[in-house]
Structure formats: C-alpha cells, structure tokens
C-alpha cells in the first residue's frame, strides 16, 4: 500500500512562462448583458471541442462578462485580425480610446466589425474550476474570412500565422 501524499504543484510563475510558449489566436468574447448593453473581454482560452454538434469552450473569470453570459446563455467569439492588437488590449482591462470598438448585431449578438471569424454560441453547461468557469456552448452560427490573424506567443502579440510547413 502506498502512503497518501499531497500532489506537487508547479510554481505559478513557471507555469505562466511555460504556458506562454503555446501560440494562440486572439479572440474577444462579446455578449449582451441582462440590460441589453454590450460587454466584451479578451479571451485567454478558446477551444473547439467537437464538430458534431459544433461545440466550443471558453474560460471566464467572475465579473461582468460572466454575469452577462450566465444571464442570457449566449455569447459571441470574435477572432481578431493581425491589426487587432489595440482591440485586444482594450478588452483586456486596458481601455483604449483609440480602439473604438464597432459592432453589428448578428444572430442577436454583438459582432466586432473586422473580425476574421465569429461564432454565435448557445451555452450548454458551466464547469467551475478554481477561479474560472469553463463555459461550454454549441455554435448556432459562424463565418470567417481569409486574412492574417493576430497571434499571442511568449506574452507578446505577433502578426500573422507564418508560412505553412505542409506546402
């Protein structure tokens, strides 16, 4: 019989540095709150989960966006183009008058003009994990355009996705 031992946990600073080496696209979540006002936040986690049915997951901390999604059961994911750094920073709690977010209402959700992909999402479940909630949703509508994405790697923004290695 093995003795019960406490699981060792990674140092948070080391974890953050290692996780920053995973390149990601940059997305802004948007929703209408319970009063019909637009709110948004830069998402640090957006994952496609399944193709059938089309399902995605986002990770959200408690706050205005969490309350809006919980109240309405809907949100939109807007994937930013390579020139979207100011918008990302604006929605990452660094409001920037120069960002000037512009929206259109699509499928009853605020969609950022100029996004390269958007996903209209209907929440199917919440999973609380530590100080975040994983919000799982089915995609009710989506579209995209072919242009270069904004990429986040090593805690910095980068333009473009680079050259494909399989061509």
Protein backbone atom coordinates (compact mmCIF):
# COMPACT_ATOMS: atom_id res chain seq x y z
CA UNK A 1 0.00 0.00 0.00
CA UNK A 2 1.29 3.45 -0.93
CA UNK A 3 1.21 6.25 1.57
CA UNK A 4 -1.10 9.14 0.71
CA UNK A 5 0.96 12.14 -0.41
CA UNK A 6 -0.06 15.60 -1.47
CA UNK A 7 0.28 16.27 -5.19
CA UNK A 8 3.14 18.58 -6.07
CA UNK A 9 2.05 21.69 -7.98
CA UNK A 10 4.06 23.73 -10.45
CA UNK A 11 5.24 27.15 -9.42
CA UNK A 12 2.63 29.64 -10.80
CA UNK A 13 5.28 31.90 -12.35
CA UNK A 14 6.96 28.92 -14.07
CA UNK A 15 3.56 27.66 -15.22
CA UNK A 16 2.71 31.05 -16.73
CA UNK A 17 6.05 31.22 -18.59
CA UNK A 18 5.73 27.67 -19.93
CA UNK A 19 2.08 28.18 -20.97
CA UNK A 20 3.04 31.39 -22.80
CA UNK A 21 5.04 29.24 -25.23
CA UNK A 22 1.79 27.87 -26.65
CA UNK A 23 0.92 30.17 -29.56
CA UNK A 24 -2.76 31.09 -29.76
CA UNK A 25 -5.02 33.20 -31.85
CA UNK A 26 -6.57 36.19 -30.09
CA UNK A 27 -10.32 36.31 -29.54
CA UNK A 28 -12.71 38.77 -27.94
CA UNK A 29 -15.90 37.48 -26.34
CA UNK A 30 -18.93 39.73 -26.70
CA UNK A 31 -22.40 39.46 -25.22
CA UNK A 32 -25.42 41.50 -24.29
CA UNK A 33 -25.88 41.82 -20.55
CA UNK A 34 -29.22 41.47 -18.76
CA UNK A 35 -29.97 45.13 -19.60
CA UNK A 36 -29.13 44.76 -23.31
CA UNK A 37 -25.78 46.58 -23.05
CA UNK A 38 -22.79 45.28 -24.98
CA UNK A 39 -19.89 43.92 -22.98
CA UNK A 40 -16.67 42.28 -24.10
CA UNK A 41 -13.44 40.70 -22.89
CA UNK A 42 -10.29 39.32 -24.45
CA UNK A 43 -10.38 35.56 -24.01
CA UNK A 44 -7.26 33.79 -22.84
CA UNK A 45 -8.82 30.41 -23.59
CA UNK A 46 -10.97 29.50 -26.58
CA UNK A 47 -11.11 25.87 -27.69
CA UNK A 48 -13.07 24.00 -30.31
CA UNK A 49 -14.40 20.86 -28.64
CA UNK A 50 -16.47 18.94 -31.20
CA UNK A 51 -17.63 19.10 -34.80
CA UNK A 52 -20.86 17.18 -34.20
CA UNK A 53 -22.53 19.13 -32.87
CA UNK A 54 -20.22 22.14 -33.32
CA UNK A 55 -19.13 22.89 -29.74
CA UNK A 56 -16.66 25.34 -28.20
CA UNK A 57 -15.35 26.18 -24.74
CA UNK A 58 -14.19 29.45 -23.18
CA UNK A 59 -12.72 30.14 -19.76
CA UNK A 60 -14.14 33.16 -17.93
CA UNK A 61 -13.40 34.67 -14.51
CA UNK A 62 -16.19 36.13 -12.35
CA UNK A 63 -17.14 39.63 -13.50
CA UNK A 64 -19.37 41.48 -15.93
CA UNK A 65 -18.87 39.06 -18.85
CA UNK A 66 -19.51 36.04 -16.65
CA UNK A 67 -22.73 37.64 -15.37
CA UNK A 68 -23.86 38.52 -18.91
CA UNK A 69 -23.28 35.02 -20.25
CA UNK A 70 -24.94 33.46 -17.20
CA UNK A 71 -27.98 35.74 -17.53
CA UNK A 72 -28.55 35.31 -21.27
CA UNK A 73 -26.98 31.91 -22.03
CA UNK A 74 -25.36 33.34 -25.15
CA UNK A 75 -22.07 34.85 -26.27
CA UNK A 76 -20.06 35.52 -29.41
CA UNK A 77 -16.41 34.72 -30.11
CA UNK A 78 -14.67 37.22 -32.41
CA UNK A 79 -11.25 36.14 -33.75
CA UNK A 80 -9.07 39.22 -34.32
CA UNK A 81 -7.07 40.06 -37.45
CA UNK A 82 -3.36 40.87 -37.31
CA UNK A 83 -4.07 44.59 -36.82
CA UNK A 84 -6.37 43.92 -33.82
CA UNK A 85 -3.83 44.44 -31.01
CA UNK A 86 -5.46 47.65 -29.76
CA UNK A 87 -8.87 45.94 -29.60
CA UNK A 88 -7.38 43.01 -27.69
CA UNK A 89 -5.77 45.34 -25.18
CA UNK A 90 -8.96 47.41 -24.91
CA UNK A 91 -10.96 44.34 -23.90
CA UNK A 92 -8.19 43.03 -21.62
CA UNK A 93 -8.96 45.69 -18.99
CA UNK A 94 -6.78 48.29 -20.69
CA UNK A 95 -9.49 50.56 -22.21
CA UNK A 96 -8.10 52.45 -25.14
CA UNK A 97 -9.98 55.35 -26.71
CA UNK A 98 -8.12 54.66 -29.97
CA UNK A 99 -9.52 51.13 -30.17
CA UNK A 100 -13.07 52.41 -30.84
CA UNK A 101 -14.86 49.03 -31.00
CA UNK A 102 -17.55 48.93 -33.66
CA UNK A 103 -20.25 46.26 -33.63
CA UNK A 104 -23.10 44.92 -35.66
CA UNK A 105 -25.81 42.72 -34.19
CA UNK A 106 -25.72 39.30 -35.87
CA UNK A 107 -27.86 36.42 -34.64
CA UNK A 108 -28.85 38.64 -31.71
CA UNK A 109 -25.23 39.03 -30.57
CA UNK A 110 -22.69 41.86 -30.89
CA UNK A 111 -20.15 41.00 -33.56
CA UNK A 112 -16.99 43.10 -33.92
CA UNK A 113 -16.54 44.61 -37.37
CA UNK A 114 -13.39 43.31 -38.99
CA UNK A 115 -13.12 40.04 -37.07
CA UNK A 116 -11.75 37.21 -39.21
CA UNK A 117 -14.07 34.58 -37.71
CA UNK A 118 -17.07 34.70 -35.44
CA UNK A 119 -19.03 32.06 -33.56
CA UNK A 120 -22.51 32.66 -32.13
CA UNK A 121 -22.72 30.41 -29.07
CA UNK A 122 -25.58 28.93 -27.01
CA UNK A 123 -24.41 27.79 -23.56
CA UNK A 124 -24.98 24.12 -22.73
CA UNK A 125 -23.05 23.87 -19.45
CA UNK A 126 -20.79 25.59 -16.93
CA UNK A 127 -17.94 23.86 -15.10
CA UNK A 128 -16.34 25.74 -12.19
CA UNK A 129 -12.57 25.17 -11.95
CA UNK A 130 -10.61 27.13 -9.35
CA UNK A 131 -11.09 30.86 -10.08
CA UNK A 132 -12.55 30.38 -13.59
CA UNK A 133 -15.66 28.89 -15.16
CA UNK A 134 -15.39 26.78 -18.29
CA UNK A 135 -18.39 27.70 -20.41
CA UNK A 136 -19.30 25.07 -22.99
CA UNK A 137 -21.58 26.06 -25.84
CA UNK A 138 -22.98 24.83 -29.12
CA UNK A 139 -22.32 27.05 -32.11
CA UNK A 140 -25.57 28.25 -33.69
CA UNK A 141 -23.91 30.29 -36.47
CA UNK A 142 -20.42 31.12 -37.66
CA UNK A 143 -18.49 32.52 -40.56
CA UNK A 144 -14.98 33.57 -41.49
CA UNK A 145 -12.88 35.45 -43.99
CA UNK A 146 -9.40 34.64 -45.17
CA UNK A 147 -6.93 37.11 -43.73
CA UNK A 148 -3.99 37.02 -41.35
CA UNK A 149 -4.74 36.51 -37.64
CA UNK A 150 -3.33 38.21 -34.57
CA UNK A 151 -1.23 35.70 -32.63
CA UNK A 152 -0.17 35.71 -28.98
CA UNK A 153 3.09 33.94 -28.12
CA UNK A 154 5.58 34.34 -25.27
CA UNK A 155 3.37 37.04 -23.70
CA UNK A 156 3.60 39.22 -26.84
CA UNK A 157 1.45 39.94 -29.87
CA UNK A 158 2.66 38.77 -33.28
CA UNK A 159 1.32 39.45 -36.75
CA UNK A 160 0.31 36.52 -38.88
CA UNK A 161 0.44 32.80 -38.68
CA UNK A 162 3.65 32.29 -40.63
CA UNK A 163 4.24 30.11 -43.64
CA UNK A 164 2.53 26.69 -43.72
CA UNK A 165 5.03 23.85 -43.30
CA UNK A 166 2.99 21.31 -45.26
CA UNK A 167 3.10 23.02 -48.68
